[in-house]
Amino acid sequence: MRTFPHVSLRLSLAPETLLGSGKAALLQGIAETGSISAASRAMGMSYKRAWYLIDTLNSTFAEPLVVSVKGGRTGGGASLTDTGRTVLQLYRSLEDKMRAAALDELKELAALAAPPKV
């Protein structure tokens, strides 16, 4: 659950390719579940949308971030590549640094904000 005020990180990786909290959460979900469908379902995202985002990320980097194995009797699955794990770790590190750098200003903004409307 988010607290307010908060900051979120969105990186412009290419002219029309962003890496933000949604794509990072999708990567995290795939890493944790080993499944694109499970990760997208947990986020309330369609499988088609998840694949589009993965395809966008995979084509942005020199190496793919996510690889998948088709289902069958042995079952399918997906996993992050070494590059995918590195990209996710770097994104999370940048998030932590950004939040730490913005903490004092966020506290000041929160003190100046009107109470939430119920």
N, C-alpha and C. Protein backbone atom coordinates (compact mmCIF):
# COMPACT_ATOMS: atom_id res chain seq x y z
N MET A 1 0.84 -1.18 0.00
CA MET A 1 0.00 0.00 0.00
C MET A 1 0.88 1.24 0.00
N ARG A 2 0.52 2.20 -0.81
CA ARG A 2 1.31 3.43 -0.91
C ARG A 2 0.97 4.41 0.19
N THR A 3 1.98 5.12 0.59
CA THR A 3 1.78 6.23 1.50
C THR A 3 1.88 7.51 0.68
N PHE A 4 1.29 8.57 1.17
CA PHE A 4 1.30 9.83 0.44
C PHE A 4 1.88 10.92 1.30
N PRO A 5 2.59 11.86 0.74
CA PRO A 5 3.02 11.88 -0.65
C PRO A 5 4.13 10.86 -0.89
N HIS A 6 4.31 10.48 -2.13
CA HIS A 6 5.39 9.57 -2.50
C HIS A 6 5.92 9.98 -3.87
N VAL A 7 7.05 9.45 -4.19
CA VAL A 7 7.64 9.68 -5.51
C VAL A 7 7.75 8.32 -6.20
N SER A 8 7.69 8.36 -7.52
CA SER A 8 7.89 7.13 -8.28
C SER A 8 8.88 7.41 -9.40
N LEU A 9 9.57 6.39 -9.78
CA LEU A 9 10.65 6.51 -10.75
C LEU A 9 10.20 6.01 -12.11
N ARG A 10 10.43 6.82 -13.13
CA ARG A 10 10.17 6.41 -14.51
C ARG A 10 11.40 6.81 -15.33
N LEU A 11 12.04 5.80 -15.91
CA LEU A 11 13.25 6.01 -16.69
C LEU A 11 12.93 5.97 -18.18
N SER A 12 13.44 6.93 -18.93
CA SER A 12 13.31 6.91 -20.39
C SER A 12 14.52 6.17 -20.93
N LEU A 13 14.29 4.97 -21.43
CA LEU A 13 15.38 4.13 -21.92
C LEU A 13 15.65 4.35 -23.40
N ALA A 14 14.62 4.73 -24.13
CA ALA A 14 14.70 4.98 -25.56
C ALA A 14 13.58 5.99 -25.86
N PRO A 15 13.55 6.54 -27.07
CA PRO A 15 12.55 7.58 -27.36
C PRO A 15 11.12 7.22 -26.95
N GLU A 16 10.70 5.99 -27.13
CA GLU A 16 9.33 5.63 -26.77
C GLU A 16 9.28 4.44 -25.82
N THR A 17 10.33 4.25 -25.04
CA THR A 17 10.37 3.13 -24.11
C THR A 17 10.70 3.63 -22.71
N LEU A 18 9.79 3.35 -21.80
CA LEU A 18 9.96 3.75 -20.40
C LEU A 18 10.09 2.50 -19.53
N LEU A 19 10.80 2.66 -18.43
CA LEU A 19 10.84 1.63 -17.40
C LEU A 19 10.39 2.32 -16.12
N GLY A 20 9.23 1.89 -15.63
CA GLY A 20 8.67 2.47 -14.42
C GLY A 20 8.24 1.39 -13.47
N SER A 21 7.44 1.79 -12.50
CA SER A 21 7.05 0.86 -11.44
C SER A 21 6.24 -0.31 -11.96
N GLY A 22 5.41 -0.12 -13.00
CA GLY A 22 4.61 -1.21 -13.53
C GLY A 22 5.44 -2.30 -14.18
N LYS A 23 6.37 -1.90 -15.04
CA LYS A 23 7.23 -2.90 -15.70
C LYS A 23 8.15 -3.55 -14.68
N ALA A 24 8.62 -2.78 -13.71
CA ALA A 24 9.46 -3.36 -12.66
C ALA A 24 8.67 -4.38 -11.85
N ALA A 25 7.42 -4.06 -11.54
CA ALA A 25 6.57 -4.99 -10.79
C ALA A 25 6.31 -6.26 -11.60
N LEU A 26 6.15 -6.11 -12.91
CA LEU A 26 5.95 -7.28 -13.77
C LEU A 26 7.20 -8.16 -13.76
N LEU A 27 8.35 -7.55 -13.91
CA LEU A 27 9.60 -8.32 -13.84
C LEU A 27 9.74 -9.02 -12.49
N GLN A 28 9.43 -8.30 -11.42
CA GLN A 28 9.50 -8.87 -10.06
C GLN A 28 8.54 -10.06 -9.93
N GLY A 29 7.34 -9.89 -10.46
CA GLY A 29 6.35 -10.96 -10.39
C GLY A 29 6.79 -12.21 -11.15
N ILE A 30 7.39 -12.00 -12.31
CA ILE A 30 7.90 -13.14 -13.08
C ILE A 30 9.02 -13.83 -12.32
N ALA A 31 9.90 -13.04 -11.73
CA ALA A 31 11.00 -13.61 -10.95
C ALA A 31 10.47 -14.44 -9.78
N GLU A 32 9.41 -13.96 -9.14
CA GLU A 32 8.87 -14.64 -7.96
C GLU A 32 8.00 -15.84 -8.30
N THR A 33 7.26 -15.77 -9.41
CA THR A 33 6.30 -16.84 -9.71
C THR A 33 6.78 -17.80 -10.79
N GLY A 34 7.73 -17.37 -11.61
CA GLY A 34 8.16 -18.19 -12.73
C GLY A 34 7.11 -18.29 -13.82
N SER A 35 6.22 -17.30 -13.85
CA SER A 35 5.10 -17.36 -14.79
C SER A 35 4.66 -15.96 -15.20
N ILE A 36 4.52 -15.75 -16.50
CA ILE A 36 4.00 -14.47 -16.99
C ILE A 36 2.52 -14.35 -16.64
N SER A 37 1.78 -15.43 -16.81
CA SER A 37 0.34 -15.36 -16.52
C SER A 37 0.08 -15.12 -15.04
N ALA A 38 0.83 -15.77 -14.16
CA ALA A 38 0.64 -15.55 -12.72
C ALA A 38 1.02 -14.13 -12.33
N ALA A 39 2.12 -13.63 -12.89
CA ALA A 39 2.55 -12.27 -12.57
C ALA A 39 1.54 -11.25 -13.06
N SER A 40 1.04 -11.43 -14.29
CA SER A 40 0.07 -10.47 -14.82
C SER A 40 -1.25 -10.56 -14.07
N ARG A 41 -1.68 -11.76 -13.72
CA ARG A 41 -2.93 -11.94 -12.98
C ARG A 41 -2.84 -11.24 -11.62
N ALA A 42 -1.71 -11.36 -10.94
CA ALA A 42 -1.54 -10.73 -9.62
C ALA A 42 -1.60 -9.21 -9.73
N MET A 43 -1.26 -8.69 -10.89
CA MET A 43 -1.28 -7.24 -11.10
C MET A 43 -2.61 -6.75 -11.67
N GLY A 44 -3.52 -7.67 -11.99
CA GLY A 44 -4.77 -7.28 -12.63
C GLY A 44 -4.56 -6.84 -14.06
N MET A 45 -3.57 -7.41 -14.71
CA MET A 45 -3.19 -7.05 -16.07
C MET A 45 -3.48 -8.23 -16.99
N SER A 46 -3.87 -7.94 -18.21
CA SER A 46 -4.11 -9.03 -19.15
C SER A 46 -2.78 -9.67 -19.55
N TYR A 47 -2.86 -10.94 -19.88
CA TYR A 47 -1.68 -11.67 -20.34
C TYR A 47 -1.13 -11.02 -21.61
N LYS A 48 -2.02 -10.59 -22.49
CA LYS A 48 -1.61 -9.94 -23.74
C LYS A 48 -0.82 -8.66 -23.45
N ARG A 49 -1.31 -7.86 -22.51
CA ARG A 49 -0.62 -6.62 -22.13
C ARG A 49 0.75 -6.94 -21.53
N ALA A 50 0.82 -7.95 -20.68
CA ALA A 50 2.09 -8.34 -20.07
C ALA A 50 3.10 -8.73 -21.14
N TRP A 51 2.65 -9.52 -22.13
CA TRP A 51 3.55 -9.92 -23.21
C TRP A 51 4.02 -8.73 -24.02
N TYR A 52 3.13 -7.77 -24.25
CA TYR A 52 3.52 -6.55 -24.97
C TYR A 52 4.62 -5.81 -24.21
N LEU A 53 4.46 -5.66 -22.91
CA LEU A 53 5.46 -4.96 -22.10
C LEU A 53 6.79 -5.72 -22.09
N ILE A 54 6.72 -7.04 -21.98
CA ILE A 54 7.94 -7.85 -22.00
C ILE A 54 8.63 -7.73 -23.35
N ASP A 55 7.86 -7.80 -24.42
CA ASP A 55 8.43 -7.67 -25.76
C ASP A 55 9.11 -6.32 -25.93
N THR A 56 8.48 -5.26 -25.42
CA THR A 56 9.07 -3.93 -25.48
C THR A 56 10.40 -3.88 -24.74
N LEU A 57 10.42 -4.42 -23.54
CA LEU A 57 11.66 -4.45 -22.76
C LEU A 57 12.72 -5.31 -23.43
N ASN A 58 12.32 -6.49 -23.89
CA ASN A 58 13.29 -7.39 -24.53
C ASN A 58 13.93 -6.76 -25.75
N SER A 59 13.16 -5.96 -26.49
CA SER A 59 13.72 -5.34 -27.69
C SER A 59 14.52 -4.08 -27.38
N THR A 60 14.38 -3.54 -26.19
CA THR A 60 15.10 -2.33 -25.80
C THR A 60 16.54 -2.62 -25.39
N PHE A 61 16.76 -3.77 -24.79
CA PHE A 61 18.08 -4.11 -24.29
C PHE A 61 18.82 -5.01 -25.28
N ALA A 62 20.14 -5.03 -25.16
CA ALA A 62 20.97 -5.83 -26.06
C ALA A 62 20.68 -7.32 -25.90
N GLU A 63 20.27 -7.72 -24.71
CA GLU A 63 19.91 -9.11 -24.44
C GLU A 63 18.51 -9.11 -23.83
N PRO A 64 17.73 -10.18 -24.05
CA PRO A 64 16.38 -10.22 -23.47
C PRO A 64 16.42 -10.22 -21.95
N LEU A 65 15.35 -9.67 -21.37
CA LEU A 65 15.22 -9.65 -19.91
C LEU A 65 14.44 -10.86 -19.40
N VAL A 66 13.53 -11.35 -20.25
CA VAL A 66 12.65 -12.46 -19.88
C VAL A 66 12.72 -13.52 -20.97
N VAL A 67 12.82 -14.78 -20.55
CA VAL A 67 12.72 -15.91 -21.48
C VAL A 67 11.57 -16.79 -21.01
N SER A 68 10.92 -17.43 -21.97
CA SER A 68 9.79 -18.28 -21.60
C SER A 68 9.91 -19.62 -22.29
N VAL A 69 9.26 -20.60 -21.69
CA VAL A 69 9.18 -21.95 -22.22
C VAL A 69 7.71 -22.27 -22.39
N LYS A 70 7.33 -22.73 -23.57
CA LYS A 70 5.92 -23.04 -23.83
C LYS A 70 5.47 -24.19 -22.94
N GLY A 71 4.17 -24.17 -22.65
CA GLY A 71 3.58 -25.21 -21.80
C GLY A 71 3.49 -26.55 -22.50
N GLY A 72 2.93 -27.47 -21.83
CA GLY A 72 2.81 -28.84 -22.32
C GLY A 72 2.67 -29.75 -21.13
N ARG A 73 3.03 -30.99 -21.31
CA ARG A 73 2.92 -31.94 -20.18
C ARG A 73 3.82 -31.54 -19.02
N THR A 74 4.98 -30.98 -19.35
CA THR A 74 5.91 -30.59 -18.29
C THR A 74 5.63 -29.18 -17.77
N GLY A 75 4.68 -28.48 -18.40
CA GLY A 75 4.35 -27.13 -17.98
C GLY A 75 5.30 -26.12 -18.57
N GLY A 76 4.85 -24.92 -18.68
CA GLY A 76 5.67 -23.85 -19.22
C GLY A 76 6.21 -23.01 -18.09
N GLY A 77 6.67 -21.86 -18.45
CA GLY A 77 7.16 -20.96 -17.43
C GLY A 77 7.96 -19.84 -18.04
N ALA A 78 8.38 -18.95 -17.20
CA ALA A 78 9.18 -17.82 -17.63
C ALA A 78 10.15 -17.48 -16.51
N SER A 79 11.24 -16.87 -16.90
CA SER A 79 12.22 -16.45 -15.90
C SER A 79 12.97 -15.25 -16.41
N LEU A 80 13.58 -14.55 -15.47
CA LEU A 80 14.43 -13.42 -15.84
C LEU A 80 15.80 -13.97 -16.22
N THR A 81 16.39 -13.37 -17.21
CA THR A 81 17.76 -13.69 -17.58
C THR A 81 18.68 -12.97 -16.60
N ASP A 82 19.97 -13.21 -16.72
CA ASP A 82 20.92 -12.46 -15.88
C ASP A 82 20.77 -10.97 -16.12
N THR A 83 20.57 -10.59 -17.39
CA THR A 83 20.37 -9.17 -17.71
C THR A 83 19.09 -8.66 -17.07
N GLY A 84 18.03 -9.46 -17.10
CA GLY A 84 16.76 -9.07 -16.48
C GLY A 84 16.90 -8.86 -14.98
N ARG A 85 17.61 -9.76 -14.33
CA ARG A 85 17.83 -9.61 -12.88
C ARG A 85 18.65 -8.35 -12.60
N THR A 86 19.65 -8.08 -13.43
CA THR A 86 20.49 -6.89 -13.24
C THR A 86 19.68 -5.62 -13.45
N VAL A 87 18.86 -5.58 -14.51
CA VAL A 87 18.04 -4.40 -14.77
C VAL A 87 17.08 -4.15 -13.60
N LEU A 88 16.43 -5.20 -13.11
CA LEU A 88 15.51 -5.04 -11.98
C LEU A 88 16.25 -4.56 -10.74
N GLN A 89 17.41 -5.12 -10.47
CA GLN A 89 18.18 -4.71 -9.29
C GLN A 89 18.61 -3.25 -9.41
N LEU A 90 19.05 -2.84 -10.58
CA LEU A 90 19.46 -1.45 -10.78
C LEU A 90 18.28 -0.49 -10.63
N TYR A 91 17.14 -0.88 -11.16
CA TYR A 91 15.94 -0.05 -11.02
C TYR A 91 15.57 0.10 -9.54
N ARG A 92 15.55 -1.02 -8.80
CA ARG A 92 15.21 -0.97 -7.37
C ARG A 92 16.22 -0.13 -6.59
N SER A 93 17.49 -0.21 -6.95
CA SER A 93 18.52 0.59 -6.29
C SER A 93 18.29 2.08 -6.54
N LEU A 94 17.98 2.43 -7.79
CA LEU A 94 17.67 3.84 -8.11
C LEU A 94 16.44 4.32 -7.35
N GLU A 95 15.42 3.48 -7.24
CA GLU A 95 14.22 3.83 -6.46
C GLU A 95 14.58 4.15 -5.02
N ASP A 96 15.37 3.28 -4.40
CA ASP A 96 15.76 3.49 -3.00
C ASP A 96 16.52 4.80 -2.83
N LYS A 97 17.46 5.06 -3.74
CA LYS A 97 18.24 6.30 -3.65
C LYS A 97 17.36 7.53 -3.85
N MET A 98 16.43 7.46 -4.80
CA MET A 98 15.54 8.58 -5.06
C MET A 98 14.66 8.86 -3.84
N ARG A 99 14.10 7.81 -3.25
CA ARG A 99 13.24 8.00 -2.08
C ARG A 99 14.02 8.59 -0.91
N ALA A 100 15.23 8.11 -0.70
CA ALA A 100 16.05 8.65 0.38
C ALA A 100 16.38 10.12 0.13
N ALA A 101 16.69 10.47 -1.11
CA ALA A 101 17.03 11.86 -1.44
C ALA A 101 15.83 12.78 -1.29
N ALA A 102 14.62 12.28 -1.51
CA ALA A 102 13.43 13.12 -1.49
C ALA A 102 12.73 13.14 -0.14
N LEU A 103 13.20 12.39 0.83
CA LEU A 103 12.49 12.22 2.10
C LEU A 103 12.18 13.53 2.82
N ASP A 104 13.16 14.40 2.98
CA ASP A 104 12.93 15.65 3.71
C ASP A 104 11.89 16.52 3.01
N GLU A 105 11.99 16.65 1.70
CA GLU A 105 11.04 17.46 0.96
C GLU A 105 9.64 16.85 1.01
N LEU A 106 9.55 15.54 0.96
CA LEU A 106 8.24 14.88 1.06
C LEU A 106 7.59 15.15 2.42
N LYS A 107 8.39 15.13 3.46
CA LYS A 107 7.86 15.42 4.79
C LYS A 107 7.34 16.85 4.86
N GLU A 108 8.08 17.78 4.29
CA GLU A 108 7.63 19.18 4.27
C GLU A 108 6.35 19.35 3.47
N LEU A 109 6.28 18.68 2.31
CA LEU A 109 5.08 18.77 1.50
C LEU A 109 3.87 18.17 2.23
N ALA A 110 4.11 17.05 2.92
CA ALA A 110 3.02 16.41 3.67
C ALA A 110 2.51 17.33 4.77
N ALA A 111 3.41 18.06 5.42
CA ALA A 111 3.01 18.97 6.48
C ALA A 111 2.19 20.14 5.94
N LEU A 112 2.44 20.53 4.69
CA LEU A 112 1.71 21.65 4.08
C LEU A 112 0.40 21.24 3.41
N ALA A 113 0.23 19.96 3.19
CA ALA A 113 -0.95 19.48 2.46
C ALA A 113 -2.21 19.55 3.32
N ALA A 114 -3.34 19.75 2.67
CA ALA A 114 -4.63 19.74 3.35
C ALA A 114 -4.93 18.30 3.75
N PRO A 115 -5.72 18.11 4.78
CA PRO A 115 -6.10 16.76 5.18
C PRO A 115 -6.86 16.07 4.04
N PRO A 116 -6.72 14.75 3.92
CA PRO A 116 -7.46 14.04 2.85
C PRO A 116 -8.96 14.20 3.01
N LYS A 117 -9.63 14.33 1.86
CA LYS A 117 -11.11 14.43 1.89
C LYS A 117 -11.69 13.04 1.99
N VAL A 118 -12.66 12.90 2.84
CA VAL A 118 -13.27 11.59 3.05
C VAL A 118 -14.55 11.45 2.29
